[in-house]
Amino acid sequence: MFALYITHPQVRIDPAIPVPDWGLSDIGAARATLAAARPWANTLGLIVSSGERKAIETAEILATASGAKVEIIEAMHENDRSATGFLAPPEFEKAADWFFAHPHESFKGWERAIDAQARIVSHVEAVLSRLGEQAPVAFVGHGGVGTLLKCHVEGKPIARQGDQPPGGGNLFCFDLAKRAVSCDWTPMEDWQGWT
């Protein structure tokens, strides 16, 4: 059996609104709708979303295909960056580089990468342990913690080299029995399904 980790696609950036409350942009919603039309989306038995608005919106769009239940787990949020607030894209990219390069340290009060990884892994494992061999499950969340999860599943050290391509809205697939990545980051609307 397989599981997916899917990152939300493009969002409507508004520095006046807290980042967890950002919703999908028109482009992001259109990409999620395209993904929901793919045959694989119809096979999902459960969709587990972080509590951030952009992830919930993505999960709800994907659920239209299969009618799968959307379960929200607040603690599957992105790494906590509230200490710095909104950072413009060039500043954010530099901060993200530092975050991944120094996993045991905090960037200006951010949640440490090692702690964010432990958090996302524990919640994914808890869901998988109670599901058994049910229909495929999709976890919908964020690029930072998704990369940390992928590093864990691959048995690799935390590093930004494992990060998704720019723009979000990517997924990776992993084999539940082997706990191994079977499909690297792929745009959600381009993925061809279970292999």
Protein backbone atom coordinates (compact mmCIF):
# COMPACT_ATOMS: atom_id res chain seq x y z
CA MET A 1 0.00 0.00 0.00
CA PHE A 2 1.14 3.51 -0.72
CA ALA A 3 0.76 6.95 0.81
CA LEU A 4 1.26 10.41 -0.64
CA TYR A 5 2.60 13.58 0.86
CA ILE A 6 1.21 16.52 -1.11
CA THR A 7 2.22 20.13 -0.61
CA HIS A 8 -0.32 22.87 -1.16
CA PRO A 9 0.12 24.75 -4.46
CA GLN A 10 0.44 28.53 -4.92
CA VAL A 11 -1.13 30.80 -2.31
CA ARG A 12 -2.48 34.32 -2.14
CA ILE A 13 0.36 36.10 -0.31
CA ASP A 14 -0.76 38.88 2.00
CA PRO A 15 1.76 40.19 4.55
CA ALA A 16 -1.15 41.65 6.58
CA ILE A 17 -2.60 38.17 7.21
CA PRO A 18 -0.86 35.49 9.35
CA VAL A 19 0.77 32.92 7.04
CA PRO A 20 -1.31 29.96 8.38
CA ASP A 21 -4.45 31.84 7.26
CA TRP A 22 -3.36 32.33 3.64
CA GLY A 23 -5.61 30.60 1.11
CA LEU A 24 -4.91 29.24 -2.34
CA SER A 25 -4.46 31.63 -5.23
CA ASP A 26 -6.48 31.14 -8.41
CA ILE A 27 -3.48 29.31 -9.92
CA GLY A 28 -3.14 27.09 -6.84
CA ALA A 29 -6.85 26.22 -6.82
CA ALA A 30 -6.76 25.44 -10.55
CA ARG A 31 -3.77 23.10 -10.08
CA ALA A 32 -5.50 21.28 -7.20
CA THR A 33 -8.62 20.92 -9.36
CA LEU A 34 -6.55 19.43 -12.19
CA ALA A 35 -4.98 16.96 -9.75
CA ALA A 36 -8.43 16.01 -8.42
CA ALA A 37 -9.41 15.05 -11.98
CA ARG A 38 -6.56 12.50 -12.24
CA PRO A 39 -7.54 8.83 -11.78
CA TRP A 40 -5.31 8.43 -8.70
CA ALA A 41 -7.30 11.06 -6.77
CA ASN A 42 -10.41 8.88 -7.04
CA THR A 43 -8.65 6.03 -5.19
CA LEU A 44 -7.88 7.93 -2.00
CA GLY A 45 -9.48 6.46 1.11
CA LEU A 46 -8.45 9.21 3.52
CA ILE A 47 -6.96 12.68 3.21
CA VAL A 48 -5.17 14.06 6.25
CA SER A 49 -4.54 17.80 6.23
CA SER A 50 -2.63 20.23 8.35
CA GLY A 51 -4.82 22.86 9.99
CA GLU A 52 -3.52 25.68 7.81
CA ARG A 53 -6.10 27.15 5.43
CA LYS A 54 -4.11 26.54 2.22
CA ALA A 55 -3.66 22.85 3.08
CA ILE A 56 -7.33 22.41 4.02
CA GLU A 57 -8.45 24.04 0.75
CA THR A 58 -6.15 21.69 -1.21
CA ALA A 59 -7.43 18.64 0.71
CA GLU A 60 -11.06 19.60 0.16
CA ILE A 61 -10.54 20.00 -3.58
CA LEU A 62 -8.83 16.58 -3.77
CA ALA A 63 -11.65 15.00 -1.74
CA THR A 64 -14.19 15.96 -4.41
CA ALA A 65 -12.84 13.14 -6.59
CA SER A 66 -13.12 10.22 -4.17
CA GLY A 67 -15.46 11.51 -1.51
CA ALA A 68 -12.69 10.65 0.96
CA LYS A 69 -12.98 11.98 4.48
CA VAL A 70 -10.71 14.94 5.23
CA GLU A 71 -9.18 14.64 8.69
CA ILE A 72 -7.47 17.72 10.07
CA ILE A 73 -4.48 17.39 12.36
CA GLU A 74 -3.46 20.84 13.56
CA ALA A 75 0.02 19.67 14.60
CA MET A 76 0.95 18.78 11.01
CA HIS A 77 1.50 22.50 10.30
CA GLU A 78 4.53 23.98 8.60
CA ASN A 79 7.64 24.62 10.68
CA ASP A 80 6.81 27.42 13.11
CA ARG A 81 8.30 30.63 11.70
CA SER A 82 6.11 33.05 13.65
CA ALA A 83 9.13 34.51 15.48
CA THR A 84 10.15 36.45 12.37
CA GLY A 85 6.73 36.95 10.81
CA PHE A 86 6.46 37.42 7.05
CA LEU A 87 9.75 37.44 5.16
CA ALA A 88 9.92 38.64 1.55
CA PRO A 89 10.87 35.83 -0.87
CA PRO A 90 14.63 36.58 -1.13
CA GLU A 91 14.95 36.83 2.66
CA PHE A 92 12.80 33.75 3.16
CA GLU A 93 14.94 31.63 0.80
CA LYS A 94 18.09 32.58 2.72
CA ALA A 95 16.37 31.76 6.01
CA ALA A 96 15.16 28.40 4.66
CA ASP A 97 18.69 27.56 3.50
CA TRP A 98 19.93 28.24 7.04
CA PHE A 99 17.06 26.27 8.61
CA PHE A 100 17.96 23.11 6.67
CA ALA A 101 21.73 23.59 7.04
CA HIS A 102 21.53 23.91 10.86
CA PRO A 103 18.82 21.42 11.90
CA HIS A 104 19.75 21.48 15.60
CA GLU A 105 19.63 25.29 15.87
CA SER A 106 16.86 27.86 15.67
CA PHE A 107 16.85 30.56 13.03
CA LYS A 108 15.89 33.74 14.93
CA GLY A 109 13.34 31.87 17.07
CA TRP A 110 11.97 29.49 14.40
CA GLU A 111 11.13 25.91 15.34
CA ARG A 112 14.28 23.84 14.84
CA ALA A 113 14.31 21.51 11.83
CA ILE A 114 15.00 18.49 14.03
CA ASP A 115 11.92 19.29 16.15
CA ALA A 116 9.68 19.94 13.14
CA GLN A 117 10.83 16.62 11.66
CA ALA A 118 10.06 14.70 14.85
CA ARG A 119 6.61 16.31 14.96
CA ILE A 120 5.60 15.55 11.36
CA VAL A 121 7.02 12.02 11.44
CA SER A 122 5.20 11.17 14.68
CA HIS A 123 1.83 12.31 13.30
CA VAL A 124 2.25 10.54 9.96
CA GLU A 125 3.32 7.34 11.73
CA ALA A 126 0.35 7.57 14.12
CA VAL A 127 -2.10 7.81 11.20
CA LEU A 128 -0.44 4.98 9.27
CA SER A 129 -0.35 2.68 12.31
CA ARG A 130 -4.12 2.91 12.78
CA LEU A 131 -5.00 2.55 9.09
CA GLY A 132 -3.43 -0.81 8.35
CA GLU A 133 -3.97 -1.83 4.74
CA GLN A 134 -6.87 0.47 3.92
CA ALA A 135 -7.18 2.46 0.69
CA PRO A 136 -4.33 4.86 -0.07
CA VAL A 137 -3.96 7.89 2.17
CA ALA A 138 -2.80 11.38 1.20
CA PHE A 139 -1.22 13.77 3.66
CA VAL A 140 -1.66 17.39 2.57
CA GLY A 141 0.69 19.94 4.01
CA HIS A 142 3.73 22.05 3.41
CA GLY A 143 7.10 22.12 1.70
CA GLY A 144 9.31 22.46 4.77
CA VAL A 145 7.85 19.66 6.87
CA GLY A 146 7.23 17.60 3.73
CA THR A 147 10.94 17.75 2.96
CA LEU A 148 11.77 16.81 6.54
CA LEU A 149 9.42 13.82 6.30
CA LYS A 150 10.95 12.77 2.97
CA CYS A 151 14.47 12.94 4.44
CA HIS A 152 13.30 10.66 7.28
CA VAL A 153 11.58 8.14 4.98
CA GLU A 154 14.70 8.00 2.79
CA GLY A 155 16.94 7.59 5.83
CA LYS A 156 18.93 10.68 4.83
CA PRO A 157 20.15 13.58 6.94
CA ILE A 158 18.11 16.77 6.95
CA ALA A 159 19.15 18.79 3.91
CA ARG A 160 17.50 21.23 1.54
CA GLN A 161 18.69 19.13 -1.42
CA GLY A 162 15.60 17.01 -0.78
CA ASP A 163 13.28 20.02 -1.09
CA GLN A 164 10.44 20.21 -3.60
CA PRO A 165 10.72 22.26 -6.80
CA PRO A 166 9.61 25.91 -6.55
CA GLY A 167 5.91 26.77 -6.56
CA GLY A 168 4.56 24.05 -4.29
CA GLY A 169 1.81 21.68 -5.31
CA ASN A 170 4.16 18.71 -5.52
CA LEU A 171 3.91 15.22 -4.12
CA PHE A 172 6.04 12.24 -3.31
CA CYS A 173 4.79 8.69 -2.90
CA PHE A 174 6.06 6.21 -0.35
CA ASP A 175 5.55 2.50 0.14
CA LEU A 176 3.98 1.84 3.54
CA ALA A 177 5.42 -1.63 4.01
CA LYS A 178 8.96 -0.66 3.05
CA ARG A 179 8.71 2.94 4.30
CA ALA A 180 10.61 3.90 1.15
CA VAL A 181 10.05 6.71 -1.34
CA SER A 182 8.73 5.23 -4.59
CA CYS A 183 8.19 8.51 -6.46
CA ASP A 184 10.22 11.68 -5.99
CA TRP A 185 8.69 15.17 -5.94
CA THR A 186 6.33 15.50 -8.90
CA PRO A 187 3.80 18.26 -9.70
CA MET A 188 0.48 17.02 -8.31
CA GLU A 189 -1.38 17.52 -11.58
CA ASP A 190 1.28 15.62 -13.57
CA TRP A 191 1.57 12.48 -11.41
CA GLN A 192 0.38 9.37 -13.24
CA GLY A 193 -0.58 7.35 -10.19
CA TRP A 194 0.39 4.26 -8.26
CA THR A 195 3.13 2.08 -9.74
